[in-house]
């Protein structure tokens, strides 16, 4: 089992930055792929960024968001810069059982955190 705990969300203004953290515990390590997804009210959960064998960032956040991981701390980060009101959502951390998965697919991930709210005001 893998447990994921997100932190770092909050209320910010457009143009501000936030860094989300996801601390993993249990059967996890560099062998897992990790990702961030987000879900806005009334919308489907969408891929934001993932890191496994490669690193992938969604087109909608390319150039503004960066995903990174610290394997020694079992932590994945999402650095979000130049935030926009349309980035408002609950952000979820996810972990797969292996690194060799399609990073952008929701069903690649067996483990999910509880989510952290990010609200960007205009």
PDB file of N, CA and C in Angstrom:
ATOM      1  N   UNK A   1       0.828  -1.199   0.000  1.00  0.00           N
ATOM      2  CA  UNK A   1       0.000   0.000   0.000  1.00  0.00           C
ATOM      3  C   UNK A   1       0.865   1.252   0.000  1.00  0.00           C
ATOM      4  N   UNK A   2       0.309   2.295  -0.590  1.00  0.00           N
ATOM      5  CA  UNK A   2       0.987   3.587  -0.653  1.00  0.00           C
ATOM      6  C   UNK A   2       0.027   4.641  -0.129  1.00  0.00           C
ATOM      7  N   UNK A   3       0.511   5.498   0.744  1.00  0.00           N
ATOM      8  CA  UNK A   3      -0.283   6.613   1.248  1.00  0.00           C
ATOM      9  C   UNK A   3       0.319   7.915   0.722  1.00  0.00           C
ATOM     10  N   UNK A   4      -0.559   8.797   0.273  1.00  0.00           N
ATOM     11  CA  UNK A   4      -0.130  10.071  -0.294  1.00  0.00           C
ATOM     12  C   UNK A   4      -0.808  11.213   0.450  1.00  0.00           C
ATOM     13  N   UNK A   5      -0.041  12.210   0.826  1.00  0.00           N
ATOM     14  CA  UNK A   5      -0.584  13.367   1.528  1.00  0.00           C
ATOM     15  C   UNK A   5      -0.109  14.632   0.824  1.00  0.00           C
ATOM     16  N   UNK A   6      -1.062  15.394   0.280  1.00  0.00           N
ATOM     17  CA  UNK A   6      -0.734  16.640  -0.407  1.00  0.00           C
ATOM     18  C   UNK A   6      -0.761  17.813   0.577  1.00  0.00           C
ATOM     19  N   UNK A   7      -0.003  18.838   0.239  1.00  0.00           N
ATOM     20  CA  UNK A   7      -0.026  20.082   1.001  1.00  0.00           C
ATOM     21  C   UNK A   7       0.416  21.206   0.092  1.00  0.00           C
ATOM     22  N   UNK A   8       0.164  22.436   0.542  1.00  0.00           N
ATOM     23  CA  UNK A   8       0.648  23.600  -0.187  1.00  0.00           C
ATOM     24  C   UNK A   8      -0.404  24.373  -0.953  1.00  0.00           C
ATOM     25  N   UNK A   9      -1.638  23.890  -0.959  1.00  0.00           N
ATOM     26  CA  UNK A   9      -2.679  24.622  -1.659  1.00  0.00           C
ATOM     27  C   UNK A   9      -3.063  25.890  -0.906  1.00  0.00           C
ATOM     28  N   UNK A  10      -3.901  26.697  -1.556  1.00  0.00           N
ATOM     29  CA  UNK A  10      -4.351  27.919  -0.897  1.00  0.00           C
ATOM     30  C   UNK A  10      -5.023  28.860  -1.870  1.00  0.00           C
ATOM     31  N   UNK A  11      -5.270  30.066  -1.381  1.00  0.00           N
ATOM     32  CA  UNK A  11      -5.898  31.127  -2.167  1.00  0.00           C
ATOM     33  C   UNK A  11      -4.833  32.139  -2.556  1.00  0.00           C
ATOM     34  N   UNK A  12      -4.672  32.356  -3.843  1.00  0.00           N
ATOM     35  CA  UNK A  12      -3.680  33.308  -4.342  1.00  0.00           C
ATOM     36  C   UNK A  12      -4.315  34.174  -5.423  1.00  0.00           C
ATOM     37  N   UNK A  13      -3.576  35.200  -5.826  1.00  0.00           N
ATOM     38  CA  UNK A  13      -4.038  36.066  -6.903  1.00  0.00           C
ATOM     39  C   UNK A  13      -3.404  35.631  -8.230  1.00  0.00           C
ATOM     40  N   UNK A  14      -4.043  36.005  -9.303  1.00  0.00           N
ATOM     41  CA  UNK A  14      -3.506  35.702 -10.618  1.00  0.00           C
ATOM     42  C   UNK A  14      -2.082  36.246 -10.728  1.00  0.00           C
ATOM     43  N   UNK A  15      -1.203  35.423 -11.290  1.00  0.00           N
ATOM     44  CA  UNK A  15       0.194  35.799 -11.428  1.00  0.00           C
ATOM     45  C   UNK A  15       1.086  35.316 -10.306  1.00  0.00           C
ATOM     46  N   UNK A  16       0.482  34.885  -9.213  1.00  0.00           N
ATOM     47  CA  UNK A  16       1.266  34.391  -8.075  1.00  0.00           C
ATOM     48  C   UNK A  16       1.776  32.978  -8.338  1.00  0.00           C
ATOM     49  N   UNK A  17       2.555  32.494  -7.382  1.00  0.00           N
ATOM     50  CA  UNK A  17       3.114  31.143  -7.455  1.00  0.00           C
ATOM     51  C   UNK A  17       2.722  30.339  -6.218  1.00  0.00           C
ATOM     52  N   UNK A  18       2.682  29.032  -6.391  1.00  0.00           N
ATOM     53  CA  UNK A  18       2.472  28.094  -5.283  1.00  0.00           C
ATOM     54  C   UNK A  18       3.315  26.857  -5.557  1.00  0.00           C
ATOM     55  N   UNK A  19       3.707  26.190  -4.491  1.00  0.00           N
ATOM     56  CA  UNK A  19       4.369  24.896  -4.648  1.00  0.00           C
ATOM     57  C   UNK A  19       3.593  23.865  -3.855  1.00  0.00           C
ATOM     58  N   UNK A  20       3.093  22.871  -4.548  1.00  0.00           N
ATOM     59  CA  UNK A  20       2.415  21.760  -3.906  1.00  0.00           C
ATOM     60  C   UNK A  20       3.418  20.653  -3.604  1.00  0.00           C
ATOM     61  N   UNK A  21       3.193  19.988  -2.489  1.00  0.00           N
ATOM     62  CA  UNK A  21       4.026  18.850  -2.106  1.00  0.00           C
ATOM     63  C   UNK A  21       3.154  17.624  -1.928  1.00  0.00           C
ATOM     64  N   UNK A  22       3.719  16.483  -2.225  1.00  0.00           N
ATOM     65  CA  UNK A  22       3.028  15.210  -2.028  1.00  0.00           C
ATOM     66  C   UNK A  22       4.011  14.257  -1.358  1.00  0.00           C
ATOM     67  N   UNK A  23       3.737  13.967  -0.097  1.00  0.00           N
ATOM     68  CA  UNK A  23       4.591  13.058   0.667  1.00  0.00           C
ATOM     69  C   UNK A  23       4.032  11.648   0.563  1.00  0.00           C
ATOM     70  N   UNK A  24       4.874  10.730   0.127  1.00  0.00           N
ATOM     71  CA  UNK A  24       4.446   9.347  -0.051  1.00  0.00           C
ATOM     72  C   UNK A  24       5.038   8.467   1.037  1.00  0.00           C
ATOM     73  N   UNK A  25       4.270   7.517   1.490  1.00  0.00           N
ATOM     74  CA  UNK A  25       4.752   6.546   2.468  1.00  0.00           C
ATOM     75  C   UNK A  25       4.216   5.173   2.084  1.00  0.00           C
ATOM     76  N   UNK A  26       4.831   4.155   2.666  1.00  0.00           N
ATOM     77  CA  UNK A  26       4.446   2.803   2.320  1.00  0.00           C
ATOM     78  C   UNK A  26       5.357   2.243   1.244  1.00  0.00           C
ATOM     79  N   UNK A  27       4.822   1.419   0.389  1.00  0.00           N
ATOM     80  CA  UNK A  27       5.606   0.745  -0.647  1.00  0.00           C
ATOM     81  C   UNK A  27       5.786   1.670  -1.840  1.00  0.00           C
ATOM     82  N   UNK A  28       6.695   2.636  -1.657  1.00  0.00           N
ATOM     83  CA  UNK A  28       6.914   3.607  -2.709  1.00  0.00           C
ATOM     84  C   UNK A  28       8.391   3.921  -2.812  1.00  0.00           C
ATOM     85  N   UNK A  29       8.748   4.519  -3.916  1.00  0.00           N
ATOM     86  CA  UNK A  29      10.134   4.897  -4.144  1.00  0.00           C
ATOM     87  C   UNK A  29      10.310   5.284  -5.583  1.00  0.00           C
ATOM     88  N   UNK A  30      11.536   5.226  -6.062  1.00  0.00           N
ATOM     89  CA  UNK A  30      11.801   5.651  -7.434  1.00  0.00           C
ATOM     90  C   UNK A  30      11.182   4.713  -8.456  1.00  0.00           C
ATOM     91  N   UNK A  31      10.679   3.552  -8.023  1.00  0.00           N
ATOM     92  CA  UNK A  31      10.075   2.615  -8.967  1.00  0.00           C
ATOM     93  C   UNK A  31       8.643   2.997  -9.333  1.00  0.00           C
ATOM     94  N   UNK A  32       8.076   3.969  -8.637  1.00  0.00           N
ATOM     95  CA  UNK A  32       6.712   4.405  -8.936  1.00  0.00           C
ATOM     96  C   UNK A  32       6.739   5.590  -9.893  1.00  0.00           C
ATOM     97  N   UNK A  33       5.739   5.657 -10.747  1.00  0.00           N
ATOM     98  CA  UNK A  33       5.485   6.900 -11.454  1.00  0.00           C
ATOM     99  C   UNK A  33       4.573   7.731 -10.562  1.00  0.00           C
ATOM    100  N   UNK A  34       4.782   9.036 -10.580  1.00  0.00           N
ATOM    101  CA  UNK A  34       3.988   9.945  -9.773  1.00  0.00           C
ATOM    102  C   UNK A  34       3.427  11.027 -10.676  1.00  0.00           C
ATOM    103  N   UNK A  35       2.286  11.550 -10.299  1.00  0.00           N
ATOM    104  CA  UNK A  35       1.665  12.562 -11.138  1.00  0.00           C
ATOM    105  C   UNK A  35       0.776  13.479 -10.316  1.00  0.00           C
ATOM    106  N   UNK A  36       0.449  14.597 -10.921  1.00  0.00           N
ATOM    107  CA  UNK A  36      -0.540  15.531 -10.400  1.00  0.00           C
ATOM    108  C   UNK A  36      -1.692  15.613 -11.403  1.00  0.00           C
ATOM    109  N   UNK A  37      -2.881  15.529 -10.847  1.00  0.00           N
ATOM    110  CA  UNK A  37      -4.098  15.762 -11.609  1.00  0.00           C
ATOM    111  C   UNK A  37      -4.870  16.879 -10.925  1.00  0.00           C
ATOM    112  N   UNK A  38      -5.848  17.431 -11.621  1.00  0.00           N
ATOM    113  CA  UNK A  38      -6.695  18.433 -11.005  1.00  0.00           C
ATOM    114  C   UNK A  38      -8.133  18.247 -11.469  1.00  0.00           C
ATOM    115  N   UNK A  39      -9.031  18.717 -10.635  1.00  0.00           N
ATOM    116  CA  UNK A  39     -10.447  18.613 -10.965  1.00  0.00           C
ATOM    117  C   UNK A  39     -11.161  19.873 -10.511  1.00  0.00           C
ATOM    118  N   UNK A  40     -11.733  20.564 -11.460  1.00  0.00           N
ATOM    119  CA  UNK A  40     -12.531  21.748 -11.178  1.00  0.00           C
ATOM    120  C   UNK A  40     -13.995  21.339 -11.046  1.00  0.00           C
ATOM    121  N   UNK A  41     -14.798  22.142 -10.363  1.00  0.00           N
ATOM    122  CA  UNK A  41     -16.220  21.803 -10.186  1.00  0.00           C
ATOM    123  C   UNK A  41     -16.916  21.571 -11.521  1.00  0.00           C
ATOM    124  N   UNK A  42     -17.619  20.450 -11.625  1.00  0.00           N
ATOM    125  CA  UNK A  42     -18.367  20.136 -12.827  1.00  0.00           C
ATOM    126  C   UNK A  42     -17.542  19.642 -13.984  1.00  0.00           C
ATOM    127  N   UNK A  43     -16.257  19.438 -13.758  1.00  0.00           N
ATOM    128  CA  UNK A  43     -15.375  18.969 -14.839  1.00  0.00           C
ATOM    129  C   UNK A  43     -14.731  17.648 -14.467  1.00  0.00           C
ATOM    130  N   UNK A  44     -14.227  16.960 -15.474  1.00  0.00           N
ATOM    131  CA  UNK A  44     -13.540  15.703 -15.233  1.00  0.00           C
ATOM    132  C   UNK A  44     -12.136  15.955 -14.684  1.00  0.00           C
ATOM    133  N   UNK A  45     -11.617  14.954 -14.030  1.00  0.00           N
ATOM    134  CA  UNK A  45     -10.247  15.046 -13.538  1.00  0.00           C
ATOM    135  C   UNK A  45      -9.299  15.069 -14.733  1.00  0.00           C
ATOM    136  N   UNK A  46      -8.362  15.999 -14.722  1.00  0.00           N
ATOM    137  CA  UNK A  46      -7.444  16.130 -15.844  1.00  0.00           C
ATOM    138  C   UNK A  46      -5.992  16.057 -15.397  1.00  0.00           C
ATOM    139  N   UNK A  47      -5.179  15.518 -16.282  1.00  0.00           N
ATOM    140  CA  UNK A  47      -3.747  15.371 -16.042  1.00  0.00           C
ATOM    141  C   UNK A  47      -3.078  16.737 -16.055  1.00  0.00           C
ATOM    142  N   UNK A  48      -2.153  16.938 -15.122  1.00  0.00           N
ATOM    143  CA  UNK A  48      -1.377  18.176 -15.065  1.00  0.00           C
ATOM    144  C   UNK A  48       0.091  17.897 -15.396  1.00  0.00           C
ATOM    145  N   UNK A  49       0.691  16.965 -14.675  1.00  0.00           N
ATOM    146  CA  UNK A  49       2.099  16.649 -14.908  1.00  0.00           C
ATOM    147  C   UNK A  49       2.416  15.302 -14.293  1.00  0.00           C
ATOM    148  N   UNK A  50       3.375  14.593 -14.872  1.00  0.00           N
ATOM    149  CA  UNK A  50       3.759  13.296 -14.364  1.00  0.00           C
ATOM    150  C   UNK A  50       5.245  13.058 -14.505  1.00  0.00           C
ATOM    151  N   UNK A  51       5.778  12.216 -13.642  1.00  0.00           N
ATOM    152  CA  UNK A  51       7.205  11.911 -13.673  1.00  0.00           C
ATOM    153  C   UNK A  51       7.393  10.424 -13.427  1.00  0.00           C
ATOM    154  N   UNK A  52       8.047   9.784 -14.362  1.00  0.00           N
ATOM    155  CA  UNK A  52       8.313   8.351 -14.257  1.00  0.00           C
ATOM    156  C   UNK A  52       9.626   8.078 -14.951  1.00  0.00           C
ATOM    157  N   UNK A  53       9.565   7.307 -16.029  1.00  0.00           N
ATOM    158  CA  UNK A  53      10.741   7.130 -16.871  1.00  0.00           C
ATOM    159  C   UNK A  53      11.063   8.448 -17.572  1.00  0.00           C
ATOM    160  N   UNK A  54      10.025   9.178 -17.913  1.00  0.00           N
ATOM    161  CA  UNK A  54      10.164  10.513 -18.504  1.00  0.00           C
ATOM    162  C   UNK A  54       9.320  11.479 -17.693  1.00  0.00           C
ATOM    163  N   UNK A  55       9.391  12.743 -18.061  1.00  0.00           N
ATOM    164  CA  UNK A  55       8.567  13.764 -17.421  1.00  0.00           C
ATOM    165  C   UNK A  55       7.660  14.389 -18.467  1.00  0.00           C
ATOM    166  N   UNK A  56       6.394  14.504 -18.127  1.00  0.00           N
ATOM    167  CA  UNK A  56       5.415  15.051 -19.064  1.00  0.00           C
ATOM    168  C   UNK A  56       4.607  16.134 -18.352  1.00  0.00           C
ATOM    169  N   UNK A  57       4.364  17.211 -19.056  1.00  0.00           N
ATOM    170  CA  UNK A  57       3.556  18.314 -18.539  1.00  0.00           C
ATOM    171  C   UNK A  57       2.456  18.601 -19.547  1.00  0.00           C
ATOM    172  N   UNK A  58       1.252  18.810 -19.055  1.00  0.00           N
ATOM    173  CA  UNK A  58       0.119  19.083 -19.946  1.00  0.00           C
ATOM    174  C   UNK A  58       0.341  20.394 -20.700  1.00  0.00           C
ATOM    175  N   UNK A  59      -0.185  20.452 -21.891  1.00  0.00           N
ATOM    176  CA  UNK A  59      -0.031  21.648 -22.717  1.00  0.00           C
ATOM    177  C   UNK A  59      -0.587  22.885 -22.021  1.00  0.00           C
ATOM    178  N   UNK A  60      -1.660  22.714 -21.263  1.00  0.00           N
ATOM    179  CA  UNK A  60      -2.324  23.850 -20.630  1.00  0.00           C
ATOM    180  C   UNK A  60      -1.471  24.523 -19.563  1.00  0.00           C
ATOM    181  N   UNK A  61      -0.464  23.832 -19.058  1.00  0.00           N
ATOM    182  CA  UNK A  61       0.389  24.397 -18.013  1.00  0.00           C
ATOM    183  C   UNK A  61       1.857  24.434 -18.418  1.00  0.00           C
ATOM    184  N   UNK A  62       2.154  24.001 -19.634  1.00  0.00           N
ATOM    185  CA  UNK A  62       3.534  23.981 -20.123  1.00  0.00           C
ATOM    186  C   UNK A  62       4.147  25.377 -20.004  1.00  0.00           C
ATOM    187  N   UNK A  63       5.371  25.424 -19.471  1.00  0.00           N
ATOM    188  CA  UNK A  63       6.057  26.703 -19.301  1.00  0.00           C
ATOM    189  C   UNK A  63       5.723  27.410 -18.007  1.00  0.00           C
ATOM    190  N   UNK A  64       4.689  26.973 -17.308  1.00  0.00           N
ATOM    191  CA  UNK A  64       4.305  27.597 -16.027  1.00  0.00           C
ATOM    192  C   UNK A  64       4.459  26.642 -14.847  1.00  0.00           C
ATOM    193  N   UNK A  65       4.183  25.375 -15.061  1.00  0.00           N
ATOM    194  CA  UNK A  65       4.253  24.378 -13.991  1.00  0.00           C
ATOM    195  C   UNK A  65       5.444  23.450 -14.220  1.00  0.00           C
ATOM    196  N   UNK A  66       6.052  23.026 -13.108  1.00  0.00           N
ATOM    197  CA  UNK A  66       7.166  22.092 -13.165  1.00  0.00           C
ATOM    198  C   UNK A  66       6.968  21.012 -12.112  1.00  0.00           C
ATOM    199  N   UNK A  67       7.145  19.769 -12.518  1.00  0.00           N
ATOM    200  CA  UNK A  67       7.071  18.656 -11.568  1.00  0.00           C
ATOM    201  C   UNK A  67       8.484  18.171 -11.260  1.00  0.00           C
ATOM    202  N   UNK A  68       8.696  17.814 -10.012  1.00  0.00           N
ATOM    203  CA  UNK A  68       9.995  17.279  -9.617  1.00  0.00           C
ATOM    204  C   UNK A  68       9.782  16.305  -8.468  1.00  0.00           C
ATOM    205  N   UNK A  69      10.781  15.505  -8.206  1.00  0.00           N
ATOM    206  CA  UNK A  69      10.672  14.554  -7.095  1.00  0.00           C
ATOM    207  C   UNK A  69      12.003  14.458  -6.369  1.00  0.00           C
ATOM    208  N   UNK A  70      11.883  14.220  -5.075  1.00  0.00           N
ATOM    209  CA  UNK A  70      13.043  13.994  -4.219  1.00  0.00           C
ATOM    210  C   UNK A  70      12.891  12.579  -3.689  1.00  0.00           C
ATOM    211  N   UNK A  71      13.612  11.636  -4.303  1.00  0.00           N
ATOM    212  CA  UNK A  71      13.449  10.230  -3.924  1.00  0.00           C
ATOM    213  C   UNK A  71      13.902   9.979  -2.490  1.00  0.00           C
ATOM    214  N   UNK A  72      14.863  10.733  -2.010  1.00  0.00           N
ATOM    215  CA  UNK A  72      15.331  10.550  -0.636  1.00  0.00           C
ATOM    216  C   UNK A  72      14.239  10.899   0.370  1.00  0.00           C
ATOM    217  N   UNK A  73      13.386  11.849  -0.004  1.00  0.00           N
ATOM    218  CA  UNK A  73      12.289  12.261   0.885  1.00  0.00           C
ATOM    219  C   UNK A  73      10.952  11.635   0.491  1.00  0.00           C
ATOM    220  N   UNK A  74      10.942  10.834  -0.575  1.00  0.00           N
ATOM    221  CA  UNK A  74       9.686  10.260  -1.076  1.00  0.00           C
ATOM    222  C   UNK A  74       8.628  11.345  -1.272  1.00  0.00           C
ATOM    223  N   UNK A  75       9.044  12.422  -1.881  1.00  0.00           N
ATOM    224  CA  UNK A  75       8.165  13.573  -2.061  1.00  0.00           C
ATOM    225  C   UNK A  75       8.204  14.040  -3.510  1.00  0.00           C
ATOM    226  N   UNK A  76       7.030  14.385  -4.015  1.00  0.00           N
ATOM    227  CA  UNK A  76       6.898  14.956  -5.353  1.00  0.00           C
ATOM    228  C   UNK A  76       6.361  16.372  -5.207  1.00  0.00           C
ATOM    229  N   UNK A  77       6.876  17.248  -6.033  1.00  0.00           N
ATOM    230  CA  UNK A  77       6.493  18.656  -5.960  1.00  0.00           C
ATOM    231  C   UNK A  77       5.855  19.098  -7.280  1.00  0.00           C
ATOM    232  N   UNK A  78       4.997  20.088  -7.175  1.00  0.00           N
ATOM    233  CA  UNK A  78       4.469  20.766  -8.350  1.00  0.00           C
ATOM    234  C   UNK A  78       4.654  22.260  -8.132  1.00  0.00           C
ATOM    235  N   UNK A  79       5.614  22.822  -8.838  1.00  0.00           N
ATOM    236  CA  UNK A  79       5.844  24.260  -8.767  1.00  0.00           C
ATOM    237  C   UNK A  79       4.941  24.920  -9.789  1.00  0.00           C
ATOM    238  N   UNK A  80       4.091  25.810  -9.321  1.00  0.00           N
ATOM    239  CA  UNK A  80       3.118  26.477 -10.188  1.00  0.00           C
ATOM    240  C   UNK A  80       3.402  27.969 -10.202  1.00  0.00           C
ATOM    241  N   UNK A  81       3.765  28.470 -11.350  1.00  0.00           N
ATOM    242  CA  UNK A  81       4.050  29.891 -11.522  1.00  0.00           C
ATOM    243  C   UNK A  81       3.017  30.530 -12.445  1.00  0.00           C
ATOM    244  N   UNK A  82       2.944  31.842 -12.388  1.00  0.00           N
ATOM    245  CA  UNK A  82       2.029  32.595 -13.265  1.00  0.00           C
ATOM    246  C   UNK A  82       0.623  31.989 -13.247  1.00  0.00           C
ATOM    247  N   UNK A  83       0.118  31.782 -12.063  1.00  0.00           N
ATOM    248  CA  UNK A  83      -1.184  31.134 -11.919  1.00  0.00           C
ATOM    249  C   UNK A  83      -2.301  31.975 -12.528  1.00  0.00           C
ATOM    250  N   UNK A  84      -3.276  31.258 -13.078  1.00  0.00           N
ATOM    251  CA  UNK A  84      -4.425  31.896 -13.720  1.00  0.00           C
ATOM    252  C   UNK A  84      -5.712  31.438 -13.024  1.00  0.00           C
ATOM    253  N   UNK A  85      -6.783  32.218 -13.122  1.00  0.00           N
ATOM    254  CA  UNK A  85      -8.048  31.782 -12.508  1.00  0.00           C
ATOM    255  C   UNK A  85      -8.498  30.405 -12.996  1.00  0.00           C
ATOM    256  N   UNK A  86      -8.191  30.068 -14.236  1.00  0.00           N
ATOM    257  CA  UNK A  86      -8.593  28.755 -14.763  1.00  0.00           C
ATOM    258  C   UNK A  86      -7.788  27.598 -14.183  1.00  0.00           C
ATOM    259  N   UNK A  87      -6.768  27.913 -13.387  1.00  0.00           N
ATOM    260  CA  UNK A  87      -6.026  26.859 -12.676  1.00  0.00           C
ATOM    261  C   UNK A  87      -6.732  26.460 -11.380  1.00  0.00           C
ATOM    262  N   UNK A  88      -7.791  27.163 -11.031  1.00  0.00           N
ATOM    263  CA  UNK A  88      -8.525  26.850  -9.814  1.00  0.00           C
ATOM    264  C   UNK A  88      -9.113  25.442  -9.892  1.00  0.00           C
ATOM    265  N   UNK A  89      -8.787  24.618  -8.898  1.00  0.00           N
ATOM    266  CA  UNK A  89      -9.230  23.223  -8.875  1.00  0.00           C
ATOM    267  C   UNK A  89      -8.741  22.574  -7.596  1.00  0.00           C
ATOM    268  N   UNK A  90      -9.229  21.373  -7.367  1.00  0.00           N
ATOM    269  CA  UNK A  90      -8.617  20.513  -6.357  1.00  0.00           C
ATOM    270  C   UNK A  90      -7.509  19.736  -7.061  1.00  0.00           C
ATOM    271  N   UNK A  91      -6.332  19.778  -6.488  1.00  0.00           N
ATOM    272  CA  UNK A  91      -5.179  19.113  -7.074  1.00  0.00           C
ATOM    273  C   UNK A  91      -4.909  17.815  -6.321  1.00  0.00           C
ATOM    274  N   UNK A  92      -4.768  16.739  -7.086  1.00  0.00           N
ATOM    275  CA  UNK A  92      -4.557  15.421  -6.515  1.00  0.00           C
ATOM    276  C   UNK A  92      -3.197  14.867  -6.914  1.00  0.00           C
ATOM    277  N   UNK A  93      -2.552  14.256  -5.963  1.00  0.00           N
ATOM    278  CA  UNK A  93      -1.329  13.516  -6.217  1.00  0.00           C
ATOM    279  C   UNK A  93      -1.692  12.056  -6.455  1.00  0.00           C
ATOM    280  N   UNK A  94      -0.954  11.411  -7.362  1.00  0.00           N
ATOM    281  CA  UNK A  94      -1.239  10.015  -7.677  1.00  0.00           C
ATOM    282  C   UNK A  94       0.066   9.246  -7.836  1.00  0.00           C
ATOM    283  N   UNK A  95       0.017   7.967  -7.508  1.00  0.00           N
ATOM    284  CA  UNK A  95       1.182   7.093  -7.654  1.00  0.00           C
ATOM    285  C   UNK A  95       0.769   5.796  -8.324  1.00  0.00           C
ATOM    286  N   UNK A  96       1.626   5.334  -9.199  1.00  0.00           N
ATOM    287  CA  UNK A  96       1.369   4.060  -9.861  1.00  0.00           C
ATOM    288  C   UNK A  96       2.190   2.967  -9.194  1.00  0.00           C
ATOM    289  N   UNK A  97       1.930   1.735  -9.588  1.00  0.00           N
ATOM    290  CA  UNK A  97       2.669   0.612  -9.018  1.00  0.00           C
ATOM    291  C   UNK A  97       4.046   0.476  -9.664  1.00  0.00           C
ATOM    292  N   UNK A  98       4.177   0.949 -10.896  1.00  0.00           N
ATOM    293  CA  UNK A  98       5.461   0.868 -11.591  1.00  0.00           C
ATOM    294  C   UNK A  98       5.713   2.193 -12.315  1.00  0.00           C
ATOM    295  N   UNK A  99       6.918   2.340 -12.846  1.00  0.00           N
ATOM    296  CA  UNK A  99       7.258   3.556 -13.581  1.00  0.00           C
ATOM    297  C   UNK A  99       6.800   3.485 -15.035  1.00  0.00           C
ATOM    298  N   UNK A 100       6.576   2.254 -15.539  1.00  0.00           N
ATOM    299  CA  UNK A 100       6.302   2.069 -16.964  1.00  0.00           C
ATOM    300  C   UNK A 100       4.805   2.127 -17.223  1.00  0.00           C
ATOM    301  N   UNK A 101       4.240   3.326 -17.086  1.00  0.00           N
ATOM    302  CA  UNK A 101       2.814   3.523 -17.326  1.00  0.00           C
ATOM    303  C   UNK A 101       2.625   4.779 -18.157  1.00  0.00           C
ATOM    304  N   UNK A 102       1.501   4.854 -18.880  1.00  0.00           N
ATOM    305  CA  UNK A 102       1.167   6.118 -19.557  1.00  0.00           C
ATOM    306  C   UNK A 102       0.887   7.174 -18.499  1.00  0.00           C
ATOM    307  N   UNK A 103       1.709   8.195 -18.434  1.00  0.00           N
ATOM    308  CA  UNK A 103       1.626   9.141 -17.339  1.00  0.00           C
ATOM    309  C   UNK A 103       0.329   9.926 -17.319  1.00  0.00           C
ATOM    310  N   UNK A 104      -0.261  10.151 -18.468  1.00  0.00           N
ATOM    311  CA  UNK A 104      -1.432  11.013 -18.545  1.00  0.00           C
ATOM    312  C   UNK A 104      -2.762  10.328 -18.307  1.00  0.00           C
ATOM    313  N   UNK A 105      -2.761   9.042 -18.072  1.00  0.00           N
ATOM    314  CA  UNK A 105      -4.006   8.294 -17.928  1.00  0.00           C
ATOM    315  C   UNK A 105      -4.386   8.120 -16.464  1.00  0.00           C
ATOM    316  N   UNK A 106      -5.620   8.462 -16.132  1.00  0.00           N
ATOM    317  CA  UNK A 106      -6.090   8.329 -14.749  1.00  0.00           C
ATOM    318  C   UNK A 106      -5.951   6.893 -14.262  1.00  0.00           C
ATOM    319  N   UNK A 107      -6.263   5.937 -15.127  1.00  0.00           N
ATOM    320  CA  UNK A 107      -6.248   4.539 -14.684  1.00  0.00           C
ATOM    321  C   UNK A 107      -4.854   3.943 -14.622  1.00  0.00           C
ATOM    322  N   UNK A 108      -3.811   4.752 -14.843  1.00  0.00           N
ATOM    323  CA  UNK A 108      -2.435   4.283 -14.631  1.00  0.00           C
ATOM    324  C   UNK A 108      -2.082   4.266 -13.142  1.00  0.00           C
ATOM    325  N   UNK A 109      -2.892   4.931 -12.340  1.00  0.00           N
ATOM    326  CA  UNK A 109      -2.532   5.175 -10.941  1.00  0.00           C
ATOM    327  C   UNK A 109      -3.457   4.445  -9.982  1.00  0.00           C
ATOM    328  N   UNK A 110      -2.836   3.686  -9.092  1.00  0.00           N
ATOM    329  CA  UNK A 110      -3.608   2.917  -8.117  1.00  0.00           C
ATOM    330  C   UNK A 110      -3.816   3.669  -6.810  1.00  0.00           C
ATOM    331  N   UNK A 111      -3.003   4.681  -6.583  1.00  0.00           N
ATOM    332  CA  UNK A 111      -3.026   5.361  -5.289  1.00  0.00           C
ATOM    333  C   UNK A 111      -3.242   6.865  -5.503  1.00  0.00           C
ATOM    334  N   UNK A 112      -4.097   7.426  -4.655  1.00  0.00           N
ATOM    335  CA  UNK A 112      -4.455   8.836  -4.758  1.00  0.00           C
ATOM    336  C   UNK A 112      -4.439   9.497  -3.397  1.00  0.00           C
ATOM    337  N   UNK A 113      -4.045  10.759  -3.391  1.00  0.00           N
ATOM    338  CA  UNK A 113      -4.153  11.541  -2.177  1.00  0.00           C
ATOM    339  C   UNK A 113      -5.551  12.099  -2.018  1.00  0.00           C
ATOM    340  N   UNK A 114      -5.746  12.840  -0.938  1.00  0.00           N
ATOM    341  CA  UNK A 114      -7.080  13.367  -0.625  1.00  0.00           C
ATOM    342  C   UNK A 114      -7.365  14.665  -1.363  1.00  0.00           C
ATOM    343  N   UNK A 115      -6.347  15.277  -1.929  1.00  0.00           N
ATOM    344  CA  UNK A 115      -6.521  16.509  -2.689  1.00  0.00           C
ATOM    345  C   UNK A 115      -6.245  17.752  -1.870  1.00  0.00           C
ATOM    346  N   UNK A 116      -5.806  18.796  -2.552  1.00  0.00           N
ATOM    347  CA  UNK A 116      -5.601  20.087  -1.913  1.00  0.00           C
ATOM    348  C   UNK A 116      -6.171  21.167  -2.835  1.00  0.00           C
ATOM    349  N   UNK A 117      -6.893  22.099  -2.241  1.00  0.00           N
ATOM    350  CA  UNK A 117      -7.590  23.118  -3.024  1.00  0.00           C
ATOM    351  C   UNK A 117      -6.633  24.234  -3.415  1.00  0.00           C
ATOM    352  N   UNK A 118      -6.676  24.589  -4.681  1.00  0.00           N
ATOM    353  CA  UNK A 118      -5.956  25.766  -5.182  1.00  0.00           C
ATOM    354  C   UNK A 118      -6.999  26.696  -5.792  1.00  0.00           C
ATOM    355  N   UNK A 119      -7.035  27.922  -5.282  1.00  0.00           N
ATOM    356  CA  UNK A 119      -7.980  28.918  -5.781  1.00  0.00           C
ATOM    357  C   UNK A 119      -7.199  30.146  -6.225  1.00  0.00           C
ATOM    358  N   UNK A 120      -7.411  30.538  -7.468  1.00  0.00           N
ATOM    359  CA  UNK A 120      -6.709  31.691  -8.034  1.00  0.00           C
ATOM    360  C   UNK A 120      -7.743  32.759  -8.347  1.00  0.00           C
ATOM    361  N   UNK A 121      -7.610  33.895  -7.689  1.00  0.00           N
ATOM    362  CA  UNK A 121      -8.551  34.993  -7.912  1.00  0.00           C
ATOM    363  C   UNK A 121      -8.006  35.932  -8.989  1.00  0.00           C
ATOM    364  N   UNK A 122      -8.924  36.564  -9.705  1.00  0.00           N
ATOM    365  CA  UNK A 122      -8.514  37.461 -10.793  1.00  0.00           C
ATOM    366  C   UNK A 122      -8.298  38.886 -10.299  1.00  0.00           C
TER     367      UNK A 122
END
